[in-house]
């Protein structure tokens, strides 16, 4: 059963380029993970500094493996999260 993660990130406009760059690096690394089915990064139209991520994994364990990956800790935890002003995450299972 596929497991989806939908994340909405917001940062100050002056941090937008740094967040975008880190998210794109994270996307490329995540797409190589065995359990990853999709990893999409979107800039929200007409909302500077806002991003929407859609990730899909084989199952919840695949997402847990993603969170344990060095690139997640480096790009997301170490680079992106400290620059955010708002963050929300939704987890969903395919029916």
C-alpha atoms as a PDB file:
ATOM      1  CA  UNK A   1       0.000   0.000   0.000  1.00  0.00           C
ATOM      2  CA  UNK A   2       1.522   3.336  -1.043  1.00  0.00           C
ATOM      3  CA  UNK A   3       2.247   5.880   1.662  1.00  0.00           C
ATOM      4  CA  UNK A   4       2.130   9.578   0.751  1.00  0.00           C
ATOM      5  CA  UNK A   5       3.608  12.590   2.480  1.00  0.00           C
ATOM      6  CA  UNK A   6       2.396  16.079   1.565  1.00  0.00           C
ATOM      7  CA  UNK A   7       4.464  18.853   3.110  1.00  0.00           C
ATOM      8  CA  UNK A   8       3.898  22.589   2.906  1.00  0.00           C
ATOM      9  CA  UNK A   9       6.901  24.761   3.729  1.00  0.00           C
ATOM     10  CA  UNK A  10       7.099  28.531   4.012  1.00  0.00           C
ATOM     11  CA  UNK A  11      10.201  30.663   4.458  1.00  0.00           C
ATOM     12  CA  UNK A  12      11.028  34.346   4.342  1.00  0.00           C
ATOM     13  CA  UNK A  13      11.583  35.559   0.758  1.00  0.00           C
ATOM     14  CA  UNK A  14      15.283  36.188   1.442  1.00  0.00           C
ATOM     15  CA  UNK A  15      15.729  32.449   2.166  1.00  0.00           C
ATOM     16  CA  UNK A  16      13.752  31.225  -0.840  1.00  0.00           C
ATOM     17  CA  UNK A  17      16.762  30.480  -3.065  1.00  0.00           C
ATOM     18  CA  UNK A  18      18.581  28.513  -0.351  1.00  0.00           C
ATOM     19  CA  UNK A  19      15.484  26.479   0.489  1.00  0.00           C
ATOM     20  CA  UNK A  20      14.749  25.814  -3.183  1.00  0.00           C
ATOM     21  CA  UNK A  21      18.311  24.609  -3.791  1.00  0.00           C
ATOM     22  CA  UNK A  22      18.285  22.283  -0.775  1.00  0.00           C
ATOM     23  CA  UNK A  23      14.861  20.877  -1.709  1.00  0.00           C
ATOM     24  CA  UNK A  24      16.044  20.102  -5.230  1.00  0.00           C
ATOM     25  CA  UNK A  25      19.143  18.341  -3.889  1.00  0.00           C
ATOM     26  CA  UNK A  26      16.949  16.356  -1.499  1.00  0.00           C
ATOM     27  CA  UNK A  27      14.612  15.453  -4.366  1.00  0.00           C
ATOM     28  CA  UNK A  28      17.417  14.010  -6.458  1.00  0.00           C
ATOM     29  CA  UNK A  29      18.756  11.919  -3.577  1.00  0.00           C
ATOM     30  CA  UNK A  30      15.311  10.696  -2.489  1.00  0.00           C
ATOM     31  CA  UNK A  31      14.410   9.530  -5.979  1.00  0.00           C
ATOM     32  CA  UNK A  32      17.255   7.022  -5.711  1.00  0.00           C
ATOM     33  CA  UNK A  33      15.904   5.410  -2.541  1.00  0.00           C
ATOM     34  CA  UNK A  34      14.568   1.857  -3.033  1.00  0.00           C
ATOM     35  CA  UNK A  35      11.116   2.549  -1.512  1.00  0.00           C
ATOM     36  CA  UNK A  36      10.581   5.960  -3.153  1.00  0.00           C
ATOM     37  CA  UNK A  37       7.917   6.049  -5.865  1.00  0.00           C
ATOM     38  CA  UNK A  38       7.729   9.834  -6.327  1.00  0.00           C
ATOM     39  CA  UNK A  39       9.224  13.005  -4.909  1.00  0.00           C
ATOM     40  CA  UNK A  40       7.923  16.270  -6.354  1.00  0.00           C
ATOM     41  CA  UNK A  41       8.849  19.790  -5.294  1.00  0.00           C
ATOM     42  CA  UNK A  42       6.642  22.730  -6.277  1.00  0.00           C
ATOM     43  CA  UNK A  43       6.946  26.468  -5.712  1.00  0.00           C
ATOM     44  CA  UNK A  44       3.512  27.782  -4.767  1.00  0.00           C
ATOM     45  CA  UNK A  45       2.293  30.211  -7.440  1.00  0.00           C
ATOM     46  CA  UNK A  46       1.895  33.801  -6.250  1.00  0.00           C
ATOM     47  CA  UNK A  47       3.265  33.002  -2.780  1.00  0.00           C
ATOM     48  CA  UNK A  48       6.985  33.856  -2.529  1.00  0.00           C
ATOM     49  CA  UNK A  49       8.863  31.540  -0.197  1.00  0.00           C
ATOM     50  CA  UNK A  50       6.180  28.826  -0.220  1.00  0.00           C
ATOM     51  CA  UNK A  51       6.786  25.245  -1.366  1.00  0.00           C
ATOM     52  CA  UNK A  52       4.646  22.145  -1.635  1.00  0.00           C
ATOM     53  CA  UNK A  53       6.212  18.682  -1.586  1.00  0.00           C
ATOM     54  CA  UNK A  54       4.516  15.455  -2.610  1.00  0.00           C
ATOM     55  CA  UNK A  55       6.345  12.264  -1.711  1.00  0.00           C
ATOM     56  CA  UNK A  56       5.189   8.682  -2.221  1.00  0.00           C
ATOM     57  CA  UNK A  57       6.800   5.555  -0.782  1.00  0.00           C
ATOM     58  CA  UNK A  58       6.052   1.829  -0.947  1.00  0.00           C
ATOM     59  CA  UNK A  59       4.915   1.972   2.683  1.00  0.00           C
ATOM     60  CA  UNK A  60       5.433   3.833   5.975  1.00  0.00           C
ATOM     61  CA  UNK A  61       8.671   1.918   6.566  1.00  0.00           C
ATOM     62  CA  UNK A  62       9.997   3.356   3.305  1.00  0.00           C
ATOM     63  CA  UNK A  63       9.322   6.853   4.582  1.00  0.00           C
ATOM     64  CA  UNK A  64      11.051   6.030   7.880  1.00  0.00           C
ATOM     65  CA  UNK A  65      14.080   4.837   5.898  1.00  0.00           C
ATOM     66  CA  UNK A  66      13.994   8.132   3.976  1.00  0.00           C
ATOM     67  CA  UNK A  67      14.059  10.105   7.231  1.00  0.00           C
ATOM     68  CA  UNK A  68      17.091   8.094   8.381  1.00  0.00           C
ATOM     69  CA  UNK A  69      19.063   8.845   5.201  1.00  0.00           C
ATOM     70  CA  UNK A  70      22.067  11.185   5.514  1.00  0.00           C
ATOM     71  CA  UNK A  71      20.780  13.446   2.743  1.00  0.00           C
ATOM     72  CA  UNK A  72      17.502  13.978   4.658  1.00  0.00           C
ATOM     73  CA  UNK A  73      19.390  15.028   7.780  1.00  0.00           C
ATOM     74  CA  UNK A  74      21.722  17.279   5.799  1.00  0.00           C
ATOM     75  CA  UNK A  75      19.348  18.927   3.328  1.00  0.00           C
ATOM     76  CA  UNK A  76      16.016  18.935   5.157  1.00  0.00           C
ATOM     77  CA  UNK A  77      16.767  18.874   8.884  1.00  0.00           C
ATOM     78  CA  UNK A  78      20.037  20.800   8.701  1.00  0.00           C
ATOM     79  CA  UNK A  79      19.379  23.286   5.894  1.00  0.00           C
ATOM     80  CA  UNK A  80      15.661  23.676   5.136  1.00  0.00           C
ATOM     81  CA  UNK A  81      13.933  23.404   8.515  1.00  0.00           C
ATOM     82  CA  UNK A  82      16.012  26.112  10.249  1.00  0.00           C
ATOM     83  CA  UNK A  83      15.001  28.590   7.506  1.00  0.00           C
ATOM     84  CA  UNK A  84      11.250  27.925   7.668  1.00  0.00           C
ATOM     85  CA  UNK A  85       8.662  30.205   9.192  1.00  0.00           C
ATOM     86  CA  UNK A  86       5.906  27.603   8.845  1.00  0.00           C
ATOM     87  CA  UNK A  87       5.717  23.884   8.154  1.00  0.00           C
ATOM     88  CA  UNK A  88       2.815  21.439   7.935  1.00  0.00           C
ATOM     89  CA  UNK A  89       2.835  17.791   6.971  1.00  0.00           C
ATOM     90  CA  UNK A  90       0.017  15.414   6.046  1.00  0.00           C
ATOM     91  CA  UNK A  91       0.448  11.632   5.890  1.00  0.00           C
ATOM     92  CA  UNK A  92      -1.881   9.491   3.780  1.00  0.00           C
ATOM     93  CA  UNK A  93      -2.292   5.861   2.767  1.00  0.00           C
ATOM     94  CA  UNK A  94      -3.551   4.835  -0.656  1.00  0.00           C
ATOM     95  CA  UNK A  95      -6.964   3.186  -0.755  1.00  0.00           C
END
